[in-house]
């Protein structure tokens, strides 16, 4: 389990447009992950 201040492990995810994003490619930038249940939301 990560603790406050730990470096996040590298991972890949899809953005809202379906593009693959890799955390390592964003090193040095502020990153915010926003999760929500797409199945329960309109659109």
N, C-alpha and C. Protein backbone atom coordinates (compact mmCIF):
# COMPACT_ATOMS: atom_id res chain seq x y z
N UNK A 1 0.84 -1.17 0.00
CA UNK A 1 0.00 0.00 0.00
C UNK A 1 0.89 1.24 0.00
N UNK A 2 0.50 2.22 -0.79
CA UNK A 2 1.22 3.48 -0.82
C UNK A 2 0.87 4.33 0.40
N UNK A 3 1.84 5.10 0.83
CA UNK A 3 1.63 6.04 1.93
C UNK A 3 1.77 7.45 1.37
N UNK A 4 1.24 8.41 2.08
CA UNK A 4 1.38 9.81 1.65
C UNK A 4 2.85 10.13 1.45
N UNK A 5 3.17 10.71 0.30
CA UNK A 5 4.54 11.07 -0.02
C UNK A 5 5.27 10.02 -0.84
N UNK A 6 4.72 8.79 -0.94
CA UNK A 6 5.34 7.75 -1.77
C UNK A 6 5.22 8.12 -3.24
N UNK A 7 6.19 7.71 -4.03
CA UNK A 7 6.13 7.91 -5.48
C UNK A 7 5.17 6.87 -6.06
N UNK A 8 4.28 7.31 -6.92
CA UNK A 8 3.31 6.41 -7.53
C UNK A 8 4.02 5.48 -8.52
N UNK A 9 3.62 4.22 -8.57
CA UNK A 9 4.20 3.31 -9.56
C UNK A 9 3.70 3.68 -10.96
N UNK A 10 4.50 3.37 -11.96
CA UNK A 10 4.09 3.67 -13.34
C UNK A 10 2.89 2.81 -13.71
N UNK A 11 1.97 3.36 -14.48
CA UNK A 11 0.81 2.62 -14.97
C UNK A 11 0.32 3.27 -16.25
N UNK A 12 -0.51 2.57 -16.97
CA UNK A 12 -1.17 3.12 -18.15
C UNK A 12 -2.67 3.09 -17.93
N UNK A 13 -3.36 4.03 -18.53
CA UNK A 13 -4.82 4.12 -18.43
C UNK A 13 -5.32 4.82 -19.69
N UNK A 14 -6.62 4.75 -19.89
CA UNK A 14 -7.23 5.44 -21.02
C UNK A 14 -7.86 6.74 -20.54
N UNK A 15 -7.69 7.80 -21.34
CA UNK A 15 -8.34 9.06 -21.01
C UNK A 15 -9.78 9.03 -21.52
N UNK A 16 -10.50 10.12 -21.36
CA UNK A 16 -11.91 10.18 -21.74
C UNK A 16 -12.14 10.06 -23.24
N UNK A 17 -11.07 10.18 -24.03
CA UNK A 17 -11.19 10.04 -25.48
C UNK A 17 -10.72 8.66 -25.97
N UNK A 18 -10.31 7.81 -25.02
CA UNK A 18 -9.85 6.48 -25.38
C UNK A 18 -8.37 6.39 -25.68
N UNK A 19 -7.64 7.50 -25.52
CA UNK A 19 -6.20 7.50 -25.75
C UNK A 19 -5.48 6.88 -24.56
N UNK A 20 -4.43 6.10 -24.83
CA UNK A 20 -3.63 5.52 -23.76
C UNK A 20 -2.67 6.57 -23.22
N UNK A 21 -2.66 6.71 -21.90
CA UNK A 21 -1.80 7.66 -21.22
C UNK A 21 -0.94 6.88 -20.23
N UNK A 22 0.35 7.17 -20.22
CA UNK A 22 1.28 6.50 -19.31
C UNK A 22 1.76 7.52 -18.28
N UNK A 23 1.72 7.15 -17.01
CA UNK A 23 2.12 8.07 -15.96
C UNK A 23 3.55 8.57 -16.16
N UNK A 24 4.44 7.70 -16.57
CA UNK A 24 5.85 8.10 -16.77
C UNK A 24 5.97 9.24 -17.79
N UNK A 25 5.06 9.32 -18.75
CA UNK A 25 5.10 10.38 -19.76
C UNK A 25 4.70 11.73 -19.18
N UNK A 26 4.11 11.73 -17.99
CA UNK A 26 3.64 12.97 -17.36
C UNK A 26 4.53 13.39 -16.20
N UNK A 27 5.68 12.74 -16.04
CA UNK A 27 6.59 13.04 -14.93
C UNK A 27 6.89 14.54 -14.89
N UNK A 28 6.80 15.13 -13.70
CA UNK A 28 7.07 16.55 -13.53
C UNK A 28 5.83 17.42 -13.65
N UNK A 29 4.70 16.82 -14.03
CA UNK A 29 3.44 17.57 -14.16
C UNK A 29 2.50 17.16 -13.04
N UNK A 30 1.54 18.00 -12.76
CA UNK A 30 0.50 17.64 -11.80
C UNK A 30 -0.48 16.69 -12.47
N UNK A 31 -0.79 15.59 -11.81
CA UNK A 31 -1.70 14.58 -12.38
C UNK A 31 -2.85 14.37 -11.41
N UNK A 32 -4.08 14.44 -11.92
CA UNK A 32 -5.27 14.17 -11.13
C UNK A 32 -6.02 13.02 -11.80
N UNK A 33 -6.31 11.99 -11.03
CA UNK A 33 -7.11 10.87 -11.54
C UNK A 33 -8.54 11.04 -11.04
N UNK A 34 -9.48 10.93 -11.97
CA UNK A 34 -10.89 11.12 -11.62
C UNK A 34 -11.62 9.88 -12.09
N UNK A 35 -12.16 9.11 -11.15
CA UNK A 35 -12.89 7.88 -11.46
C UNK A 35 -14.38 8.09 -11.20
N UNK A 36 -15.20 7.56 -12.07
CA UNK A 36 -16.63 7.57 -11.83
C UNK A 36 -17.24 6.41 -12.60
N UNK A 37 -18.40 5.91 -12.18
CA UNK A 37 -19.03 4.77 -12.83
C UNK A 37 -19.74 5.19 -14.12
N UNK A 38 -19.08 5.00 -15.23
CA UNK A 38 -19.65 5.40 -16.53
C UNK A 38 -21.01 4.76 -16.77
N UNK A 39 -21.20 3.54 -16.32
CA UNK A 39 -22.47 2.84 -16.56
C UNK A 39 -23.65 3.53 -15.90
N UNK A 40 -23.40 4.31 -14.85
CA UNK A 40 -24.49 4.96 -14.12
C UNK A 40 -24.62 6.44 -14.42
N UNK A 41 -23.92 6.91 -15.47
CA UNK A 41 -23.99 8.32 -15.79
C UNK A 41 -24.46 8.51 -17.23
N UNK A 42 -25.17 9.58 -17.52
CA UNK A 42 -25.59 9.82 -18.89
C UNK A 42 -24.39 10.19 -19.76
N UNK A 43 -24.48 9.85 -21.02
CA UNK A 43 -23.44 10.23 -21.97
C UNK A 43 -22.51 9.18 -22.18
